[in-house]
């Protein structure tokens, strides 16, 4: 397979920084940490965003989302906030709603779109209605699972969706609580593991193929897809350990796709971004099956920014400067407030 150049899907002109950065007139707060299972990853993301913005001369500080945050925003509001929080705090829309109440602009989608993307079954429903391919699924709350009888429910799921299956929390990220089920005997344990992280399990048909992630950014000329990043976990499953442990995953940026398939993947990611009403940036996770057809798995509105995260890899593959890209996104957020 041929590998498309990064420039084939995204312009490589470096974003032009607004004058306010050059003159040091803007102050930015990066929010990281929180109380979710992804706190450690969030702190790593936040520090990387902090360092990248400082390289372009932005006055920036790192803050946690704790009980001191709201008073500080009201007394001394920053010009903009970058949300580097993962898990519910950064992605379920609640924090964005609070920032809206404080009239503090932030990078990323609004509270409503964030809530929609955060809940995987709801997001998949919107994608399906928009004609965007996503694997068949069923969402199963723990209470219904118990009330209806676990054995009968699991048998029906296996019969309806077939094997193998993918089990994961309906809300959550970083692969926590996710498992591939290749035989019916393994399904109960996978459900128990999933319910440890969320009260609702999303069970979907497993689609074999190439794992890819497409980051979408809007620097002022509409959403654009960065080069797809191919994910090759050593154990075959892109779980929490594979994402954040050095040596357990190999990434190819851009992905090893033909130009035709790469274009189809990019167009599908953009369609998902737009269907969910997102803005500024997102990361769309997909599977490309053996026939070159992309299937959207989920959409992340607060992508990881760590040294092994997919959006920074895509930025590098596109030939863009990470700090300048973040600076342009901050400028857009400030512009919306103005």
Protein backbone atom coordinates (compact mmCIF):
# COMPACT_ATOMS: atom_id res chain seq x y z
CA UNK A 1 0.00 0.00 0.00
CA UNK A 2 1.21 3.47 -0.77
CA UNK A 3 1.45 6.05 1.96
CA UNK A 4 -0.10 9.45 1.26
CA UNK A 5 1.88 12.52 2.18
CA UNK A 6 0.73 14.50 5.17
CA UNK A 7 0.08 17.47 2.93
CA UNK A 8 -2.46 15.53 0.86
CA UNK A 9 -5.16 16.01 3.51
CA UNK A 10 -4.08 19.10 5.43
CA UNK A 11 -2.32 22.37 4.49
CA UNK A 12 1.18 22.56 5.92
CA UNK A 13 1.31 26.35 6.22
CA UNK A 14 2.09 27.18 9.81
CA UNK A 15 -0.74 28.97 11.63
CA UNK A 16 -0.15 32.70 11.97
CA UNK A 17 -0.14 33.72 15.60
CA UNK A 18 -2.25 36.72 16.64
CA UNK A 19 -0.48 39.91 17.65
CA UNK A 20 -1.62 39.49 21.26
CA UNK A 21 0.76 36.56 21.72
CA UNK A 22 3.70 38.48 20.40
CA UNK A 23 3.03 41.37 22.76
CA UNK A 24 2.24 39.11 25.72
CA UNK A 25 -1.28 40.44 26.19
CA UNK A 26 -3.11 37.13 26.65
CA UNK A 27 -3.20 34.90 29.73
CA UNK A 28 -4.23 31.27 29.39
CA UNK A 29 -5.13 28.65 32.00
CA UNK A 30 -4.67 24.96 31.23
CA UNK A 31 -7.00 22.75 33.25
CA UNK A 32 -5.68 19.28 34.07
CA UNK A 33 -6.00 16.61 36.73
CA UNK A 34 -9.52 16.18 38.05
CA UNK A 35 -10.81 13.16 39.94
CA UNK A 36 -11.47 10.67 37.14
CA UNK A 37 -9.62 7.41 36.54
CA UNK A 38 -7.63 9.32 33.92
CA UNK A 39 -6.16 11.91 36.30
CA UNK A 40 -2.52 10.91 35.75
CA UNK A 41 -2.90 11.00 31.96
CA UNK A 42 -4.63 14.37 32.21
CA UNK A 43 -1.77 15.85 34.23
CA UNK A 44 0.71 14.66 31.59
CA UNK A 45 -1.44 16.18 28.86
CA UNK A 46 -1.71 19.45 30.74
CA UNK A 47 2.04 19.77 31.26
CA UNK A 48 2.68 19.15 27.58
CA UNK A 49 0.13 21.80 26.55
CA UNK A 50 1.69 24.18 29.07
CA UNK A 51 5.18 23.66 27.64
CA UNK A 52 3.98 23.99 24.03
CA UNK A 53 2.20 27.29 24.67
CA UNK A 54 5.19 28.68 26.53
CA UNK A 55 7.41 28.00 23.50
CA UNK A 56 5.38 30.57 21.55
CA UNK A 57 5.50 33.13 24.35
CA UNK A 58 2.06 32.65 25.90
CA UNK A 59 1.59 33.50 29.57
CA UNK A 60 0.08 30.25 30.81
CA UNK A 61 -0.50 28.43 34.09
CA UNK A 62 -1.63 24.92 34.98
CA UNK A 63 -4.60 24.53 37.33
CA UNK A 64 -6.57 21.59 38.69
CA UNK A 65 -10.35 21.37 38.52
CA UNK A 66 -10.87 21.63 42.28
CA UNK A 67 -12.94 23.76 44.66
CA UNK A 68 -10.57 26.70 44.25
CA UNK A 69 -11.12 26.94 40.50
CA UNK A 70 -14.46 28.71 40.35
CA UNK A 71 -13.58 31.52 42.81
CA UNK A 72 -10.35 32.18 40.92
CA UNK A 73 -12.17 32.35 37.58
CA UNK A 74 -14.59 34.90 38.99
CA UNK A 75 -11.95 37.06 40.70
CA UNK A 76 -9.25 36.91 38.03
CA UNK A 77 -10.61 35.34 34.84
CA UNK A 78 -8.05 34.32 32.18
CA UNK A 79 -8.45 35.29 28.56
CA UNK A 80 -9.03 31.63 27.65
CA UNK A 81 -8.95 28.10 29.04
CA UNK A 82 -7.52 24.98 27.45
CA UNK A 83 -9.22 21.86 28.79
CA UNK A 84 -6.74 19.01 29.17
CA UNK A 85 -9.03 17.07 31.49
CA UNK A 86 -9.94 13.53 30.45
CA UNK A 87 -12.85 11.48 31.68
CA UNK A 88 -16.15 12.92 32.85
CA UNK A 89 -14.79 16.21 34.19
CA UNK A 90 -13.37 17.29 30.88
CA UNK A 91 -15.76 15.58 28.49
CA UNK A 92 -19.30 15.31 29.86
CA UNK A 93 -20.07 18.99 29.28
CA UNK A 94 -20.49 19.98 32.91
CA UNK A 95 -17.24 21.93 33.25
CA UNK A 96 -17.87 23.66 29.93
CA UNK A 97 -21.26 24.73 31.23
CA UNK A 98 -19.60 26.25 34.30
CA UNK A 99 -17.09 28.10 32.12
CA UNK A 100 -20.02 29.47 30.10
CA UNK A 101 -21.64 30.70 33.33
CA UNK A 102 -18.38 32.49 34.17
CA UNK A 103 -18.11 33.97 30.65
CA UNK A 104 -14.66 32.41 30.29
CA UNK A 105 -13.90 31.28 26.72
CA UNK A 106 -12.37 27.86 26.18
CA UNK A 107 -10.92 25.75 23.41
CA UNK A 108 -13.20 23.00 22.16
CA UNK A 109 -16.85 22.23 21.65
CA UNK A 110 -19.70 23.60 23.76
CA UNK A 111 -21.39 21.82 26.65
CA UNK A 112 -24.23 20.34 24.61
CA UNK A 113 -22.01 18.75 21.96
CA UNK A 114 -19.61 17.53 24.61
CA UNK A 115 -22.42 15.72 26.45
CA UNK A 116 -23.53 14.11 23.21
CA UNK A 117 -20.08 12.85 22.22
CA UNK A 118 -19.30 11.68 25.77
CA UNK A 119 -22.20 9.23 25.83
CA UNK A 120 -21.19 6.62 23.27
CA UNK A 121 -24.65 5.12 22.64
CA UNK A 122 -26.12 8.59 22.03
CA UNK A 123 -23.25 9.56 19.77
CA UNK A 124 -23.52 6.32 17.79
CA UNK A 125 -27.25 6.94 17.32
CA UNK A 126 -26.52 10.37 15.82
CA UNK A 127 -23.81 8.91 13.58
CA UNK A 128 -26.09 6.12 12.37
CA UNK A 129 -28.89 8.61 11.62
CA UNK A 130 -26.41 10.69 9.61
CA UNK A 131 -25.47 7.65 7.54
CA UNK A 132 -22.00 7.38 9.07
CA UNK A 133 -20.93 3.73 9.52
CA UNK A 134 -20.54 2.54 13.10
CA UNK A 135 -20.68 -1.06 14.38
CA UNK A 136 -24.04 -2.44 15.55
CA UNK A 137 -24.42 -2.18 19.30
CA UNK A 138 -26.58 -2.51 22.37
CA UNK A 139 -26.33 -0.36 25.51
CA UNK A 140 -27.08 -2.25 28.71
CA UNK A 141 -27.41 -0.61 32.15
CA UNK A 142 -26.28 -2.75 35.06
CA UNK A 143 -29.75 -2.70 36.65
CA UNK A 144 -31.44 -4.04 33.50
CA UNK A 145 -28.67 -6.59 33.15
CA UNK A 146 -29.50 -7.95 36.61
CA UNK A 147 -33.28 -7.61 36.42
CA UNK A 148 -33.66 -9.41 33.09
CA UNK A 149 -31.27 -12.21 33.94
CA UNK A 150 -27.63 -12.07 32.96
CA UNK A 151 -27.53 -15.45 31.21
CA UNK A 152 -30.57 -14.81 29.01
CA UNK A 153 -29.43 -11.29 28.10
CA UNK A 154 -25.92 -12.39 27.19
CA UNK A 155 -27.19 -15.26 25.07
CA UNK A 156 -29.42 -12.89 23.13
CA UNK A 157 -26.58 -10.40 22.64
CA UNK A 158 -24.32 -13.12 21.27
CA UNK A 159 -27.05 -14.40 18.95
CA UNK A 160 -27.95 -10.92 17.68
CA UNK A 161 -24.54 -9.31 17.28
CA UNK A 162 -22.41 -12.43 16.82
CA UNK A 163 -18.88 -13.03 18.03
CA UNK A 164 -16.38 -11.54 18.59
CA UNK A 165 -17.72 -8.56 20.52
CA UNK A 166 -16.27 -5.37 21.97
CA UNK A 167 -17.38 -4.49 25.51
CA UNK A 168 -16.63 -1.03 26.90
CA UNK A 169 -18.11 1.57 29.25
CA UNK A 170 -20.82 3.72 27.67
CA UNK A 171 -19.00 6.72 29.10
CA UNK A 172 -15.25 6.82 29.56
CA UNK A 173 -11.98 6.78 27.73
CA UNK A 174 -8.38 5.54 27.65
CA UNK A 175 -9.55 1.97 27.08
CA UNK A 176 -10.44 1.54 30.75
CA UNK A 177 -12.91 -1.30 31.26
CA UNK A 178 -12.78 -2.31 27.60
CA UNK A 179 -12.31 -5.89 26.42
CA UNK A 180 -12.57 -7.95 23.24
CA UNK A 181 -14.76 -11.03 23.73
CA UNK A 182 -14.01 -13.85 21.31
CA UNK A 183 -16.14 -16.59 22.88
CA UNK A 184 -19.42 -16.58 24.78
CA UNK A 185 -17.83 -17.96 27.94
CA UNK A 186 -15.71 -14.79 28.28
CA UNK A 187 -18.62 -12.36 28.00
CA UNK A 188 -19.78 -12.37 31.67
CA UNK A 189 -16.30 -11.48 32.96
CA UNK A 190 -15.99 -8.71 30.38
CA UNK A 191 -19.32 -7.25 31.52
CA UNK A 192 -18.26 -7.34 35.17
CA UNK A 193 -14.99 -5.58 34.29
CA UNK A 194 -16.86 -2.94 32.33
CA UNK A 195 -19.37 -2.27 35.12
CA UNK A 196 -16.45 -1.49 37.42
CA UNK A 197 -16.00 1.75 35.44
CA UNK A 198 -19.54 2.64 34.41
CA UNK A 199 -23.11 1.68 35.23
CA UNK A 200 -23.87 1.11 31.54
CA UNK A 201 -22.00 -1.21 29.19
CA UNK A 202 -21.80 -0.69 25.46
CA UNK A 203 -21.56 -4.01 23.64
CA UNK A 204 -20.84 -3.70 19.94
CA UNK A 205 -19.98 -5.98 17.08
CA UNK A 206 -16.22 -6.31 16.81
CA UNK A 207 -14.91 -5.26 13.42
CA UNK A 208 -11.46 -6.68 12.61
CA UNK A 209 -9.11 -4.39 10.74
CA UNK A 210 -6.70 -1.51 11.16
CA UNK A 211 -7.11 0.78 14.18
CA UNK A 212 -6.71 4.41 13.15
CA UNK A 213 -7.32 7.77 14.78
CA UNK A 214 -8.05 10.94 12.88
CA UNK A 215 -7.63 14.27 14.62
CA UNK A 216 -9.79 17.11 13.34
CA UNK A 217 -8.82 20.74 13.90
CA UNK A 218 -10.29 24.05 12.78
CA UNK A 219 -7.79 26.89 12.54
CA UNK A 220 -10.25 29.30 10.98
CA UNK A 221 -10.96 27.80 7.57
CA UNK A 222 -13.34 25.07 8.66
CA UNK A 223 -12.63 21.62 10.12
CA UNK A 224 -9.71 19.78 8.52
CA UNK A 225 -8.54 16.21 9.04
CA UNK A 226 -4.94 15.72 10.09
CA UNK A 227 -3.15 12.63 8.73
CA UNK A 228 -4.56 9.41 10.18
CA UNK A 229 -2.43 7.66 12.79
CA UNK A 230 -2.30 3.87 12.62
CA UNK A 231 -2.27 2.05 15.95
CA UNK A 232 -0.58 -1.35 16.30
CA UNK A 233 -0.79 -2.64 19.90
CA UNK A 234 1.57 -5.49 20.64
CA UNK A 235 -1.12 -7.59 22.34
CA UNK A 236 -3.75 -6.79 19.71
CA UNK A 237 -5.92 -4.62 21.99
CA UNK A 238 -5.45 -0.87 22.44
CA UNK A 239 -6.22 -0.82 26.16
CA UNK A 240 -4.97 1.52 28.91
CA UNK A 241 -1.60 -0.20 29.25
CA UNK A 242 -1.04 -0.22 25.48
CA UNK A 243 -1.83 3.51 25.27
CA UNK A 244 0.47 4.75 27.99
CA UNK A 245 3.24 2.18 28.45
CA UNK A 246 6.32 2.66 26.29
CA UNK A 247 7.01 -0.26 23.97
CA UNK A 248 3.54 -1.81 24.01
CA UNK A 249 2.26 -0.02 20.90
CA UNK A 250 3.69 1.04 17.56
CA UNK A 251 2.24 4.03 15.74
CA UNK A 252 2.50 4.92 12.06
CA UNK A 253 1.87 8.54 11.18
CA UNK A 254 0.56 8.83 8.58
CA UNK A 255 -1.23 5.48 8.58
CA UNK A 256 -0.21 2.88 5.99
CA UNK A 257 -3.26 3.40 3.79
CA UNK A 258 -3.69 3.89 0.09
CA UNK A 259 -4.48 7.44 -0.97
CA UNK A 260 -8.07 6.42 -1.77
CA UNK A 261 -8.71 4.79 1.60
CA UNK A 262 -6.91 7.59 3.47
CA UNK A 263 -9.24 10.12 1.83
CA UNK A 264 -12.29 8.02 2.73
CA UNK A 265 -11.11 7.77 6.35
CA UNK A 266 -10.55 11.53 6.55
CA UNK A 267 -13.96 12.29 5.05
CA UNK A 268 -15.66 9.91 7.51
CA UNK A 269 -13.91 11.54 10.47
CA UNK A 270 -14.95 15.00 9.29
CA UNK A 271 -18.53 13.81 8.84
CA UNK A 272 -18.57 12.46 12.41
CA UNK A 273 -17.10 15.70 13.79
CA UNK A 274 -19.75 17.75 12.00
CA UNK A 275 -22.66 15.43 12.76
CA UNK A 276 -21.99 15.78 16.50
CA UNK A 277 -21.75 19.58 16.22
CA UNK A 278 -18.15 19.78 17.42
CA UNK A 279 -15.73 22.67 17.01
CA UNK A 280 -12.01 23.51 17.28
CA UNK A 281 -10.67 19.97 17.73
CA UNK A 282 -11.64 16.35 18.18
CA UNK A 283 -10.23 12.88 17.68
CA UNK A 284 -12.24 10.28 15.82
CA UNK A 285 -11.34 6.62 16.45
CA UNK A 286 -12.09 4.25 13.59
CA UNK A 287 -11.54 0.72 12.30
CA UNK A 288 -10.70 0.24 8.64
CA UNK A 289 -11.92 -3.21 7.64
CA UNK A 290 -10.34 -5.55 5.11
CA UNK A 291 -12.29 -3.94 2.27
CA UNK A 292 -11.00 -0.47 3.11
CA UNK A 293 -14.25 0.71 4.70
CA UNK A 294 -13.98 2.93 7.80
CA UNK A 295 -16.24 2.39 10.82
CA UNK A 296 -16.44 5.05 13.53
CA UNK A 297 -15.98 3.66 17.04
CA UNK A 298 -16.12 6.83 19.14
CA UNK A 299 -15.30 10.53 19.13
CA UNK A 300 -13.19 12.23 21.80
CA UNK A 301 -13.65 15.96 22.48
CA UNK A 302 -10.66 16.27 24.84
CA UNK A 303 -7.91 14.29 23.09
CA UNK A 304 -4.81 13.24 24.95
CA UNK A 305 -1.75 15.45 24.57
CA UNK A 306 0.92 13.20 26.12
CA UNK A 307 4.11 12.02 24.46
CA UNK A 308 2.29 8.90 23.23
CA UNK A 309 -1.01 10.60 22.37
CA UNK A 310 -2.44 10.52 18.89
CA UNK A 311 -3.24 14.17 18.22
CA UNK A 312 0.36 15.39 18.72
CA UNK A 313 1.56 12.55 16.46
CA UNK A 314 -0.89 13.70 13.79
CA UNK A 315 0.21 17.32 14.17
CA UNK A 316 3.81 16.27 13.63
CA UNK A 317 2.86 14.16 10.60
CA UNK A 318 1.11 17.19 9.11
CA UNK A 319 4.30 19.24 9.45
CA UNK A 320 2.71 21.69 11.87
CA UNK A 321 4.11 23.26 15.02
CA UNK A 322 2.20 22.00 18.07
CA UNK A 323 2.53 25.23 20.04
CA UNK A 324 1.43 27.42 17.14
CA UNK A 325 -1.56 25.17 16.47
CA UNK A 326 -2.64 25.41 20.11
CA UNK A 327 -2.09 29.16 19.97
CA UNK A 328 -4.40 29.47 16.98
CA UNK A 329 -7.09 27.45 18.74
CA UNK A 330 -6.81 29.72 21.78
CA UNK A 331 -7.14 32.74 19.51
CA UNK A 332 -10.35 31.32 18.06
CA UNK A 333 -11.75 30.82 21.55
CA UNK A 334 -10.93 34.40 22.51
CA UNK A 335 -12.44 35.62 19.26
CA UNK A 336 -15.74 33.89 20.00
CA UNK A 337 -15.98 35.70 23.32
CA UNK A 338 -15.23 39.01 21.65
